[in-house]
């Protein structure tokens, strides 16, 4: 399977609390709900297409609980382009403490997560999508397991909150595979990891 990460971020890289004011207030975050006022029809339709091509979904524990409590409880999920695929397709959640997932069709991955994800990728076809789940995304990137990174970038500077990439971490070169822009200002960048970056050497006198 191809492993694709899909992340909604602000221009300054924040991914925390995009959906609602009280969605994620960890660390004293007070600016939740920054994405929804900017989310418009064409971007929404494109995101529905992204969900529709998934063969399975992989989550970190926090994102899984948020999705299970929202998309997982819709009364008619098949009528929704996002909830429908989430409802119908296999879901995997990374956790060492979750024993009874509340969302039907969920399997818990514990222990050596990298090995479990490698097994998933080797044993199936299609696309394994990771939505949100920042800590998991960073771990998968460090393990060399990510094939594509999809970023929905919103035209806003949030100014606080958890970012997809911290101030310090492993580096990576990226190849741009696709780029789209929508009328409301949201852009989508699709990247493929391309090894280590190249850095400029010391300046030389002419």
N, C-alpha and C. Protein backbone atom coordinates (compact mmCIF):
# COMPACT_ATOMS: atom_id res chain seq x y z
N UNK A 1 0.83 -1.19 0.00
CA UNK A 1 0.00 0.00 0.00
C UNK A 1 0.88 1.25 0.00
N UNK A 2 0.37 2.29 -0.63
CA UNK A 2 1.03 3.58 -0.56
C UNK A 2 0.56 4.30 0.69
N UNK A 3 1.50 4.79 1.50
CA UNK A 3 1.13 5.49 2.73
C UNK A 3 1.18 6.99 2.47
N UNK A 4 0.03 7.64 2.65
CA UNK A 4 -0.11 9.07 2.42
C UNK A 4 -0.55 9.75 3.71
N UNK A 5 0.13 10.83 4.08
CA UNK A 5 -0.32 11.63 5.22
C UNK A 5 -1.09 12.83 4.69
N UNK A 6 -2.16 13.19 5.37
CA UNK A 6 -3.01 14.31 4.96
C UNK A 6 -3.18 15.22 6.18
N UNK A 7 -2.68 16.45 6.07
CA UNK A 7 -2.66 17.34 7.23
C UNK A 7 -3.16 18.71 6.86
N UNK A 8 -4.03 19.26 7.68
CA UNK A 8 -4.50 20.64 7.54
C UNK A 8 -3.63 21.52 8.43
N UNK A 9 -2.98 22.53 7.83
CA UNK A 9 -2.09 23.39 8.60
C UNK A 9 -2.35 24.85 8.26
N UNK A 10 -1.97 25.72 9.19
CA UNK A 10 -1.96 27.15 8.93
C UNK A 10 -0.65 27.51 8.22
N UNK A 11 -0.53 28.76 7.79
CA UNK A 11 0.70 29.19 7.14
C UNK A 11 1.90 29.04 8.07
N UNK A 12 1.70 29.22 9.39
CA UNK A 12 2.80 29.04 10.33
C UNK A 12 2.89 27.61 10.86
N UNK A 13 2.25 26.67 10.16
CA UNK A 13 2.46 25.26 10.45
C UNK A 13 1.63 24.66 11.56
N UNK A 14 0.68 25.41 12.14
CA UNK A 14 -0.14 24.90 13.24
C UNK A 14 -1.16 23.90 12.71
N UNK A 15 -1.31 22.78 13.42
CA UNK A 15 -2.32 21.78 13.06
C UNK A 15 -3.31 21.54 14.21
N UNK A 16 -3.11 22.18 15.33
CA UNK A 16 -3.93 21.94 16.52
C UNK A 16 -5.27 22.65 16.44
N UNK A 17 -6.33 21.95 16.83
CA UNK A 17 -7.63 22.58 17.04
C UNK A 17 -8.24 23.25 15.83
N UNK A 18 -8.06 22.69 14.65
CA UNK A 18 -8.56 23.36 13.45
C UNK A 18 -10.08 23.35 13.35
N UNK A 19 -10.74 22.34 13.94
CA UNK A 19 -12.15 22.15 13.68
C UNK A 19 -13.11 22.96 14.53
N UNK A 20 -12.80 23.15 15.80
CA UNK A 20 -13.72 23.83 16.69
C UNK A 20 -13.01 24.45 17.87
N UNK A 21 -13.66 25.39 18.54
CA UNK A 21 -13.04 26.13 19.63
C UNK A 21 -12.55 25.21 20.74
N UNK A 22 -13.30 24.15 21.04
CA UNK A 22 -12.96 23.28 22.15
C UNK A 22 -12.45 21.91 21.69
N UNK A 23 -12.09 21.79 20.42
CA UNK A 23 -11.65 20.50 19.89
C UNK A 23 -10.37 20.01 20.56
N UNK A 24 -9.43 20.91 20.78
CA UNK A 24 -8.14 20.52 21.36
C UNK A 24 -7.54 21.72 22.07
N UNK A 25 -7.70 21.75 23.39
CA UNK A 25 -7.19 22.89 24.17
C UNK A 25 -5.93 22.53 24.95
N UNK A 26 -5.28 21.43 24.59
CA UNK A 26 -4.06 21.03 25.28
C UNK A 26 -3.01 22.14 25.21
N UNK A 27 -2.26 22.27 26.31
CA UNK A 27 -1.22 23.28 26.37
C UNK A 27 -1.75 24.70 26.46
N UNK A 28 -3.04 24.86 26.82
CA UNK A 28 -3.63 26.19 26.92
C UNK A 28 -3.98 26.81 25.58
N UNK A 29 -4.14 25.98 24.55
CA UNK A 29 -4.47 26.49 23.21
C UNK A 29 -5.84 27.16 23.22
N UNK A 30 -5.90 28.40 22.75
CA UNK A 30 -7.12 29.20 22.84
C UNK A 30 -7.65 29.66 21.48
N UNK A 31 -7.09 29.16 20.39
CA UNK A 31 -7.47 29.68 19.08
C UNK A 31 -8.03 28.59 18.17
N UNK A 32 -8.79 27.69 18.76
CA UNK A 32 -9.36 26.60 18.00
C UNK A 32 -10.42 27.06 17.01
N UNK A 33 -10.62 26.25 15.97
CA UNK A 33 -11.64 26.56 14.97
C UNK A 33 -11.16 27.47 13.87
N UNK A 34 -9.86 27.55 13.66
CA UNK A 34 -9.31 28.50 12.69
C UNK A 34 -9.51 28.07 11.23
N UNK A 35 -9.76 26.78 10.99
CA UNK A 35 -9.84 26.30 9.61
C UNK A 35 -11.24 26.39 9.01
N UNK A 36 -12.25 26.07 9.79
CA UNK A 36 -13.60 25.95 9.23
C UNK A 36 -14.11 27.22 8.54
N UNK A 37 -13.86 28.43 9.07
CA UNK A 37 -14.36 29.62 8.35
C UNK A 37 -13.75 29.80 6.97
N UNK A 38 -12.63 29.12 6.69
CA UNK A 38 -11.95 29.25 5.40
C UNK A 38 -12.22 28.08 4.46
N UNK A 39 -12.91 27.08 4.94
CA UNK A 39 -13.12 25.85 4.19
C UNK A 39 -14.32 26.02 3.28
N UNK A 40 -14.09 26.01 1.95
CA UNK A 40 -15.17 26.30 1.00
C UNK A 40 -15.39 25.13 0.05
N UNK A 41 -16.34 25.31 -0.86
CA UNK A 41 -16.86 24.21 -1.66
C UNK A 41 -15.85 23.42 -2.47
N UNK A 42 -14.97 24.09 -3.21
CA UNK A 42 -14.03 23.37 -4.06
C UNK A 42 -13.00 22.60 -3.23
N UNK A 43 -12.52 23.21 -2.16
CA UNK A 43 -11.58 22.52 -1.28
C UNK A 43 -12.26 21.33 -0.61
N UNK A 44 -13.51 21.52 -0.22
CA UNK A 44 -14.27 20.44 0.41
C UNK A 44 -14.46 19.27 -0.56
N UNK A 45 -14.77 19.58 -1.82
CA UNK A 45 -14.96 18.53 -2.81
C UNK A 45 -13.66 17.77 -3.05
N UNK A 46 -12.56 18.49 -3.10
CA UNK A 46 -11.26 17.84 -3.31
C UNK A 46 -10.92 16.94 -2.13
N UNK A 47 -11.18 17.42 -0.91
CA UNK A 47 -10.90 16.59 0.26
C UNK A 47 -11.76 15.33 0.25
N UNK A 48 -13.01 15.45 -0.20
CA UNK A 48 -13.85 14.26 -0.34
C UNK A 48 -13.26 13.26 -1.31
N UNK A 49 -12.66 13.75 -2.40
CA UNK A 49 -12.00 12.84 -3.35
C UNK A 49 -10.81 12.13 -2.70
N UNK A 50 -10.08 12.85 -1.86
CA UNK A 50 -8.94 12.25 -1.17
C UNK A 50 -9.41 11.11 -0.28
N UNK A 51 -10.42 11.35 0.53
CA UNK A 51 -10.96 10.29 1.39
C UNK A 51 -11.49 9.13 0.55
N UNK A 52 -12.11 9.45 -0.58
CA UNK A 52 -12.73 8.41 -1.40
C UNK A 52 -11.76 7.42 -1.99
N UNK A 53 -10.51 7.81 -2.17
CA UNK A 53 -9.54 6.89 -2.78
C UNK A 53 -8.81 6.05 -1.74
N UNK A 54 -9.06 6.26 -0.47
CA UNK A 54 -8.37 5.51 0.58
C UNK A 54 -8.80 4.06 0.58
N UNK A 55 -7.83 3.17 0.77
CA UNK A 55 -8.14 1.76 0.98
C UNK A 55 -8.27 1.42 2.45
N UNK A 56 -7.62 2.22 3.30
CA UNK A 56 -7.68 2.04 4.75
C UNK A 56 -7.16 3.32 5.40
N UNK A 57 -7.42 3.46 6.70
CA UNK A 57 -7.02 4.65 7.43
C UNK A 57 -6.19 4.25 8.64
N UNK A 58 -5.20 5.09 8.95
CA UNK A 58 -4.32 4.88 10.10
C UNK A 58 -4.30 6.15 10.93
N UNK A 59 -4.51 6.00 12.25
CA UNK A 59 -4.60 7.16 13.13
C UNK A 59 -3.71 7.00 14.35
N UNK A 60 -3.28 8.14 14.90
CA UNK A 60 -2.81 8.18 16.26
C UNK A 60 -4.01 8.18 17.20
N UNK A 61 -3.76 7.91 18.47
CA UNK A 61 -4.87 7.75 19.42
C UNK A 61 -5.72 9.02 19.53
N UNK A 62 -5.11 10.19 19.62
CA UNK A 62 -5.87 11.42 19.82
C UNK A 62 -6.79 11.69 18.62
N UNK A 63 -6.23 11.66 17.43
CA UNK A 63 -7.03 11.93 16.24
C UNK A 63 -8.12 10.88 16.07
N UNK A 64 -7.81 9.64 16.39
CA UNK A 64 -8.82 8.59 16.30
C UNK A 64 -10.02 8.91 17.18
N UNK A 65 -9.77 9.33 18.42
CA UNK A 65 -10.88 9.62 19.33
C UNK A 65 -11.71 10.80 18.82
N UNK A 66 -11.03 11.82 18.26
CA UNK A 66 -11.76 12.97 17.71
C UNK A 66 -12.63 12.53 16.54
N UNK A 67 -12.06 11.73 15.63
CA UNK A 67 -12.83 11.27 14.47
C UNK A 67 -13.96 10.33 14.89
N UNK A 68 -13.69 9.44 15.82
CA UNK A 68 -14.72 8.50 16.27
C UNK A 68 -15.89 9.23 16.91
N UNK A 69 -15.61 10.33 17.61
CA UNK A 69 -16.66 11.09 18.27
C UNK A 69 -17.39 12.06 17.36
N UNK A 70 -16.92 12.21 16.13
CA UNK A 70 -17.58 13.12 15.19
C UNK A 70 -18.05 12.35 13.95
N UNK A 71 -17.12 12.00 13.06
CA UNK A 71 -17.50 11.26 11.86
C UNK A 71 -18.07 9.88 12.19
N UNK A 72 -17.61 9.29 13.27
CA UNK A 72 -18.04 7.94 13.61
C UNK A 72 -19.44 7.82 14.16
N UNK A 73 -20.07 8.94 14.49
CA UNK A 73 -21.41 8.88 15.09
C UNK A 73 -22.47 9.53 14.20
N UNK A 74 -22.12 9.87 12.96
CA UNK A 74 -23.14 10.42 12.07
C UNK A 74 -24.21 9.36 11.79
N UNK A 75 -25.50 9.75 11.79
CA UNK A 75 -26.56 8.76 11.61
C UNK A 75 -26.58 8.12 10.22
N UNK A 76 -26.20 8.85 9.18
CA UNK A 76 -26.20 8.32 7.82
C UNK A 76 -24.84 8.58 7.17
N UNK A 77 -23.81 7.86 7.61
CA UNK A 77 -22.45 8.17 7.14
C UNK A 77 -22.27 7.98 5.64
N UNK A 78 -23.00 7.05 5.03
CA UNK A 78 -22.80 6.80 3.60
C UNK A 78 -23.24 7.96 2.73
N UNK A 79 -23.99 8.89 3.30
CA UNK A 79 -24.41 10.06 2.54
C UNK A 79 -23.35 11.17 2.55
N UNK A 80 -22.26 10.96 3.28
CA UNK A 80 -21.23 11.99 3.42
C UNK A 80 -19.94 11.52 2.75
N UNK A 81 -19.30 12.36 1.91
CA UNK A 81 -18.11 11.92 1.18
C UNK A 81 -16.90 11.64 2.06
N UNK A 82 -16.91 12.14 3.29
CA UNK A 82 -15.82 11.85 4.22
C UNK A 82 -16.20 10.72 5.16
N UNK A 83 -17.37 10.82 5.78
CA UNK A 83 -17.80 9.80 6.73
C UNK A 83 -18.01 8.45 6.06
N UNK A 84 -18.46 8.46 4.80
CA UNK A 84 -18.73 7.21 4.10
C UNK A 84 -17.50 6.31 4.01
N UNK A 85 -16.40 6.80 3.42
CA UNK A 85 -15.19 5.98 3.38
C UNK A 85 -14.67 5.60 4.77
N UNK A 86 -14.75 6.53 5.71
CA UNK A 86 -14.30 6.21 7.07
C UNK A 86 -15.13 5.09 7.68
N UNK A 87 -16.40 5.07 7.38
CA UNK A 87 -17.30 4.06 7.92
C UNK A 87 -17.05 2.70 7.27
N UNK A 88 -16.81 2.68 5.96
CA UNK A 88 -16.76 1.43 5.21
C UNK A 88 -15.40 0.74 5.24
N UNK A 89 -14.34 1.49 5.39
CA UNK A 89 -13.02 0.93 5.18
C UNK A 89 -12.29 0.65 6.49
N UNK A 90 -11.31 -0.25 6.45
CA UNK A 90 -10.61 -0.61 7.69
C UNK A 90 -9.92 0.60 8.31
N UNK A 91 -9.93 0.60 9.64
CA UNK A 91 -9.28 1.66 10.40
C UNK A 91 -8.28 1.03 11.36
N UNK A 92 -7.11 1.65 11.47
CA UNK A 92 -6.07 1.19 12.38
C UNK A 92 -5.71 2.36 13.29
N UNK A 93 -5.55 2.09 14.57
CA UNK A 93 -5.19 3.13 15.52
C UNK A 93 -3.97 2.67 16.31
N UNK A 94 -2.99 3.55 16.43
CA UNK A 94 -1.77 3.24 17.16
C UNK A 94 -1.96 3.59 18.63
N UNK A 95 -1.89 2.60 19.50
CA UNK A 95 -2.07 2.85 20.93
C UNK A 95 -1.58 1.65 21.73
N UNK A 96 -0.95 1.93 22.87
CA UNK A 96 -0.56 0.87 23.79
C UNK A 96 -1.53 0.74 24.95
N UNK A 97 -2.58 1.58 24.96
CA UNK A 97 -3.54 1.56 26.07
C UNK A 97 -4.96 1.28 25.64
N UNK A 98 -5.31 1.53 24.38
CA UNK A 98 -6.67 1.31 23.91
C UNK A 98 -6.90 -0.19 23.70
N UNK A 99 -7.92 -0.72 24.35
CA UNK A 99 -8.21 -2.15 24.23
C UNK A 99 -9.55 -2.43 23.57
N UNK A 100 -10.50 -1.50 23.70
CA UNK A 100 -11.82 -1.71 23.12
C UNK A 100 -12.22 -0.48 22.30
N UNK A 101 -11.75 -0.37 21.06
CA UNK A 101 -12.10 0.79 20.23
C UNK A 101 -13.60 0.85 19.99
N UNK A 102 -14.13 2.05 20.03
CA UNK A 102 -15.59 2.21 19.95
C UNK A 102 -16.11 2.31 18.52
N UNK A 103 -15.22 2.39 17.54
CA UNK A 103 -15.61 2.55 16.15
C UNK A 103 -15.50 1.21 15.46
N UNK A 104 -16.59 0.72 14.89
CA UNK A 104 -16.59 -0.58 14.22
C UNK A 104 -15.56 -0.60 13.09
N UNK A 105 -14.92 -1.75 12.92
CA UNK A 105 -13.95 -1.89 11.85
C UNK A 105 -12.57 -1.39 12.20
N UNK A 106 -12.29 -1.23 13.52
CA UNK A 106 -11.01 -0.71 13.97
C UNK A 106 -10.14 -1.83 14.53
N UNK A 107 -8.86 -1.79 14.18
CA UNK A 107 -7.86 -2.69 14.75
C UNK A 107 -6.79 -1.85 15.42
N UNK A 108 -6.41 -2.22 16.63
CA UNK A 108 -5.40 -1.49 17.38
C UNK A 108 -4.01 -2.04 17.05
N UNK A 109 -3.06 -1.12 16.78
CA UNK A 109 -1.66 -1.48 16.57
C UNK A 109 -0.86 -1.04 17.78
N UNK A 110 -0.19 -1.96 18.43
CA UNK A 110 0.62 -1.63 19.60
C UNK A 110 2.00 -2.26 19.44
N UNK A 111 2.88 -1.94 20.38
CA UNK A 111 4.22 -2.50 20.31
C UNK A 111 5.05 -1.81 19.24
N UNK A 112 5.68 -2.59 18.38
CA UNK A 112 6.54 -2.07 17.32
C UNK A 112 5.68 -1.55 16.17
N UNK A 113 5.35 -0.27 16.23
CA UNK A 113 4.42 0.31 15.25
C UNK A 113 5.03 0.31 13.85
N UNK A 114 6.32 0.63 13.74
CA UNK A 114 6.95 0.66 12.42
C UNK A 114 6.85 -0.71 11.74
N UNK A 115 7.09 -1.77 12.50
CA UNK A 115 7.00 -3.12 11.92
C UNK A 115 5.56 -3.43 11.51
N UNK A 116 4.59 -3.01 12.34
CA UNK A 116 3.19 -3.27 12.02
C UNK A 116 2.77 -2.52 10.75
N UNK A 117 3.24 -1.29 10.59
CA UNK A 117 2.89 -0.50 9.42
C UNK A 117 3.57 -1.08 8.18
N UNK A 118 4.81 -1.53 8.32
CA UNK A 118 5.47 -2.18 7.19
C UNK A 118 4.68 -3.41 6.74
N UNK A 119 4.16 -4.15 7.69
CA UNK A 119 3.36 -5.34 7.35
C UNK A 119 2.08 -4.94 6.62
N UNK A 120 1.44 -3.87 7.09
CA UNK A 120 0.23 -3.39 6.41
C UNK A 120 0.54 -3.00 4.97
N UNK A 121 1.62 -2.25 4.80
CA UNK A 121 1.97 -1.77 3.46
C UNK A 121 2.30 -2.94 2.53
N UNK A 122 2.95 -3.94 3.07
CA UNK A 122 3.37 -5.07 2.23
C UNK A 122 2.21 -6.01 1.91
N UNK A 123 1.17 -5.99 2.73
CA UNK A 123 0.12 -6.99 2.58
C UNK A 123 -1.13 -6.52 1.89
N UNK A 124 -1.13 -5.29 1.35
CA UNK A 124 -2.35 -4.79 0.73
C UNK A 124 -2.07 -3.94 -0.50
N UNK A 125 -3.14 -3.45 -1.11
CA UNK A 125 -3.04 -2.56 -2.26
C UNK A 125 -3.77 -1.26 -1.93
N UNK A 126 -3.61 -0.28 -2.80
CA UNK A 126 -4.32 0.97 -2.63
C UNK A 126 -3.57 1.94 -1.74
N UNK A 127 -4.31 2.76 -1.03
CA UNK A 127 -3.72 3.87 -0.27
C UNK A 127 -4.08 3.77 1.21
N UNK A 128 -3.07 3.81 2.04
CA UNK A 128 -3.24 3.86 3.49
C UNK A 128 -3.06 5.31 3.91
N UNK A 129 -4.14 5.94 4.39
CA UNK A 129 -4.11 7.38 4.68
C UNK A 129 -4.01 7.64 6.18
N UNK A 130 -3.15 8.59 6.51
CA UNK A 130 -3.01 9.07 7.89
C UNK A 130 -3.52 10.50 7.92
N UNK A 131 -4.57 10.76 8.66
CA UNK A 131 -5.12 12.11 8.80
C UNK A 131 -4.78 12.66 10.18
N UNK A 132 -4.35 13.93 10.20
CA UNK A 132 -3.95 14.52 11.48
C UNK A 132 -2.78 13.74 12.07
N UNK A 133 -2.91 13.38 13.37
CA UNK A 133 -1.98 12.43 14.00
C UNK A 133 -0.52 12.87 13.86
N UNK A 134 -0.23 14.09 14.29
CA UNK A 134 1.07 14.68 14.07
C UNK A 134 2.24 13.85 14.59
N UNK A 135 2.14 13.36 15.82
CA UNK A 135 3.25 12.59 16.38
C UNK A 135 3.48 11.31 15.59
N UNK A 136 2.40 10.67 15.16
CA UNK A 136 2.52 9.47 14.34
C UNK A 136 3.15 9.79 12.99
N UNK A 137 2.74 10.89 12.38
CA UNK A 137 3.30 11.28 11.08
C UNK A 137 4.81 11.47 11.20
N UNK A 138 5.25 12.14 12.24
CA UNK A 138 6.68 12.38 12.41
C UNK A 138 7.44 11.07 12.60
N UNK A 139 6.85 10.13 13.35
CA UNK A 139 7.49 8.84 13.56
C UNK A 139 7.56 8.04 12.26
N UNK A 140 6.51 8.08 11.47
CA UNK A 140 6.50 7.35 10.20
C UNK A 140 7.50 7.94 9.21
N UNK A 141 7.62 9.27 9.20
CA UNK A 141 8.61 9.90 8.34
C UNK A 141 10.02 9.50 8.76
N UNK A 142 10.29 9.51 10.07
CA UNK A 142 11.61 9.15 10.55
C UNK A 142 11.96 7.71 10.21
N UNK A 143 10.93 6.86 10.13
CA UNK A 143 11.15 5.44 9.81
C UNK A 143 11.17 5.18 8.31
N UNK A 144 10.99 6.21 7.50
CA UNK A 144 11.02 6.05 6.05
C UNK A 144 9.81 5.34 5.48
N UNK A 145 8.66 5.47 6.12
CA UNK A 145 7.48 4.74 5.71
C UNK A 145 6.46 5.58 4.95
N UNK A 146 6.70 6.88 4.82
CA UNK A 146 5.74 7.77 4.16
C UNK A 146 6.09 7.89 2.68
N UNK A 147 5.10 7.67 1.82
CA UNK A 147 5.29 7.79 0.38
C UNK A 147 4.88 9.15 -0.15
N UNK A 148 3.83 9.76 0.43
CA UNK A 148 3.40 11.09 0.02
C UNK A 148 2.91 11.88 1.22
N UNK A 149 3.17 13.18 1.18
CA UNK A 149 2.71 14.12 2.20
C UNK A 149 1.78 15.11 1.53
N UNK A 150 0.52 15.14 1.95
CA UNK A 150 -0.44 16.10 1.41
C UNK A 150 -0.73 17.15 2.47
N UNK A 151 -0.48 18.40 2.15
CA UNK A 151 -0.71 19.51 3.07
C UNK A 151 -1.81 20.41 2.52
N UNK A 152 -2.88 20.57 3.29
CA UNK A 152 -3.88 21.61 3.02
C UNK A 152 -3.46 22.83 3.83
N UNK A 153 -2.99 23.87 3.16
CA UNK A 153 -2.47 25.05 3.84
C UNK A 153 -3.50 26.17 3.78
N UNK A 154 -3.88 26.68 4.95
CA UNK A 154 -4.94 27.69 5.06
C UNK A 154 -4.31 29.07 5.20
N UNK A 155 -4.92 30.09 4.59
CA UNK A 155 -4.35 31.43 4.61
C UNK A 155 -4.60 32.13 5.95
N UNK A 156 -3.93 31.66 6.98
CA UNK A 156 -4.07 32.25 8.31
C UNK A 156 -2.80 31.95 9.11
N UNK A 157 -2.39 32.89 9.92
CA UNK A 157 -1.31 32.70 10.89
C UNK A 157 -1.96 32.57 12.26
N UNK A 158 -1.91 31.40 12.84
CA UNK A 158 -2.60 31.15 14.12
C UNK A 158 -1.78 31.70 15.29
N UNK A 159 -0.48 31.59 15.24
CA UNK A 159 0.35 32.23 16.25
C UNK A 159 0.59 31.45 17.52
N UNK A 160 -0.07 30.32 17.70
CA UNK A 160 0.19 29.44 18.84
C UNK A 160 -0.32 28.06 18.48
N UNK A 161 0.08 27.07 19.28
CA UNK A 161 -0.43 25.72 19.07
C UNK A 161 0.62 24.77 18.51
N UNK A 162 0.26 23.49 18.52
CA UNK A 162 1.16 22.44 18.07
C UNK A 162 1.33 22.50 16.56
N UNK A 163 2.57 22.43 16.13
CA UNK A 163 2.88 22.46 14.71
C UNK A 163 3.18 21.05 14.21
N UNK A 164 3.00 20.86 12.91
CA UNK A 164 3.28 19.55 12.33
C UNK A 164 4.73 19.17 12.55
N UNK A 165 5.64 20.12 12.31
CA UNK A 165 7.06 19.85 12.51
C UNK A 165 7.59 20.76 13.61
N UNK A 166 8.24 20.18 14.60
CA UNK A 166 8.73 20.97 15.74
C UNK A 166 9.97 21.78 15.35
N UNK A 167 10.45 22.58 16.32
CA UNK A 167 11.62 23.41 16.06
C UNK A 167 12.85 22.57 15.76
N UNK A 168 12.95 21.40 16.36
CA UNK A 168 14.08 20.51 16.12
C UNK A 168 13.57 19.12 15.75
N UNK A 169 14.17 18.52 14.76
CA UNK A 169 13.75 17.19 14.34
C UNK A 169 14.56 16.75 13.13
N UNK A 170 14.32 15.56 12.62
CA UNK A 170 15.04 15.10 11.43
C UNK A 170 14.68 15.94 10.22
N UNK A 171 15.63 16.05 9.28
CA UNK A 171 15.37 16.82 8.07
C UNK A 171 15.01 15.89 6.92
N UNK A 172 14.44 16.46 5.86
CA UNK A 172 14.05 15.65 4.71
C UNK A 172 13.92 16.56 3.50
N UNK A 173 14.41 16.09 2.37
CA UNK A 173 14.16 16.76 1.09
C UNK A 173 12.81 16.27 0.55
N UNK A 174 12.12 17.15 -0.17
CA UNK A 174 10.79 16.81 -0.70
C UNK A 174 10.72 17.18 -2.17
N UNK A 175 10.11 16.30 -2.96
CA UNK A 175 9.80 16.60 -4.35
C UNK A 175 8.33 16.98 -4.45
N UNK A 176 8.02 18.09 -5.11
CA UNK A 176 6.64 18.53 -5.30
C UNK A 176 5.99 17.70 -6.39
N UNK A 177 4.92 16.96 -6.03
CA UNK A 177 4.23 16.09 -6.99
C UNK A 177 2.96 16.73 -7.54
N UNK A 178 2.33 17.63 -6.76
CA UNK A 178 1.10 18.26 -7.23
C UNK A 178 0.90 19.54 -6.43
N UNK A 179 0.21 20.50 -7.03
CA UNK A 179 -0.06 21.78 -6.39
C UNK A 179 -1.39 22.29 -6.89
N UNK A 180 -2.25 22.67 -5.95
CA UNK A 180 -3.56 23.20 -6.32
C UNK A 180 -3.87 24.41 -5.44
N UNK A 181 -4.71 25.30 -5.98
CA UNK A 181 -5.17 26.46 -5.22
C UNK A 181 -6.67 26.60 -5.41
N UNK A 182 -7.35 26.97 -4.33
CA UNK A 182 -8.80 27.09 -4.36
C UNK A 182 -9.21 28.55 -4.13
N UNK A 183 -10.42 28.93 -4.57
CA UNK A 183 -10.82 30.34 -4.55
C UNK A 183 -10.71 31.01 -3.19
N UNK A 184 -10.94 30.27 -2.10
CA UNK A 184 -10.90 30.88 -0.77
C UNK A 184 -9.51 31.06 -0.21
N UNK A 185 -8.48 30.63 -0.96
CA UNK A 185 -7.11 30.84 -0.51
C UNK A 185 -6.41 29.60 0.01
N UNK A 186 -7.14 28.50 0.18
CA UNK A 186 -6.51 27.25 0.59
C UNK A 186 -5.68 26.70 -0.57
N UNK A 187 -4.47 26.26 -0.27
CA UNK A 187 -3.65 25.59 -1.27
C UNK A 187 -3.37 24.17 -0.82
N UNK A 188 -3.15 23.28 -1.78
CA UNK A 188 -2.80 21.90 -1.49
C UNK A 188 -1.47 21.60 -2.15
N UNK A 189 -0.53 21.13 -1.35
CA UNK A 189 0.76 20.70 -1.85
C UNK A 189 0.91 19.20 -1.58
N UNK A 190 1.30 18.45 -2.59
CA UNK A 190 1.56 17.02 -2.45
C UNK A 190 3.06 16.80 -2.67
N UNK A 191 3.72 16.27 -1.66
CA UNK A 191 5.16 16.07 -1.71
C UNK A 191 5.49 14.58 -1.60
N UNK A 192 6.65 14.22 -2.15
CA UNK A 192 7.19 12.88 -1.97
C UNK A 192 8.57 13.00 -1.33
N UNK A 193 8.81 12.29 -0.25
CA UNK A 193 10.13 12.34 0.40
C UNK A 193 11.23 11.96 -0.59
N UNK A 194 12.34 12.69 -0.50
CA UNK A 194 13.44 12.49 -1.47
C UNK A 194 14.78 12.47 -0.76
N UNK A 195 14.86 11.75 0.35
CA UNK A 195 16.13 11.61 1.05
C UNK A 195 16.48 12.83 1.88
N UNK A 196 17.77 13.04 2.09
CA UNK A 196 18.26 14.17 2.87
C UNK A 196 18.36 15.41 1.99
N UNK A 197 18.17 16.60 2.58
CA UNK A 197 18.35 17.83 1.80
C UNK A 197 19.82 18.06 1.49
N UNK A 198 20.05 18.87 0.48
CA UNK A 198 21.40 19.36 0.20
C UNK A 198 21.52 20.76 0.81
N UNK A 199 22.66 21.01 1.46
CA UNK A 199 22.90 22.30 2.10
C UNK A 199 24.04 23.02 1.39
N UNK A 200 23.92 24.32 1.31
CA UNK A 200 24.97 25.11 0.68
C UNK A 200 26.23 25.05 1.53
N UNK A 201 27.38 25.01 0.88
CA UNK A 201 28.65 25.02 1.58
C UNK A 201 29.05 26.42 1.95
N UNK A 202 30.23 26.58 2.55
CA UNK A 202 30.71 27.93 2.92
C UNK A 202 30.87 28.80 1.69
N UNK A 203 30.59 30.09 1.88
CA UNK A 203 30.77 31.02 0.77
C UNK A 203 32.24 31.12 0.40
N UNK A 204 32.50 31.19 -0.90
CA UNK A 204 33.89 31.26 -1.38
C UNK A 204 34.18 32.64 -1.96
N UNK A 205 35.34 33.12 -1.68
CA UNK A 205 35.74 34.42 -2.22
C UNK A 205 36.02 34.28 -3.72
N UNK A 206 35.63 35.27 -4.48
CA UNK A 206 35.87 35.22 -5.94
C UNK A 206 37.32 35.57 -6.26
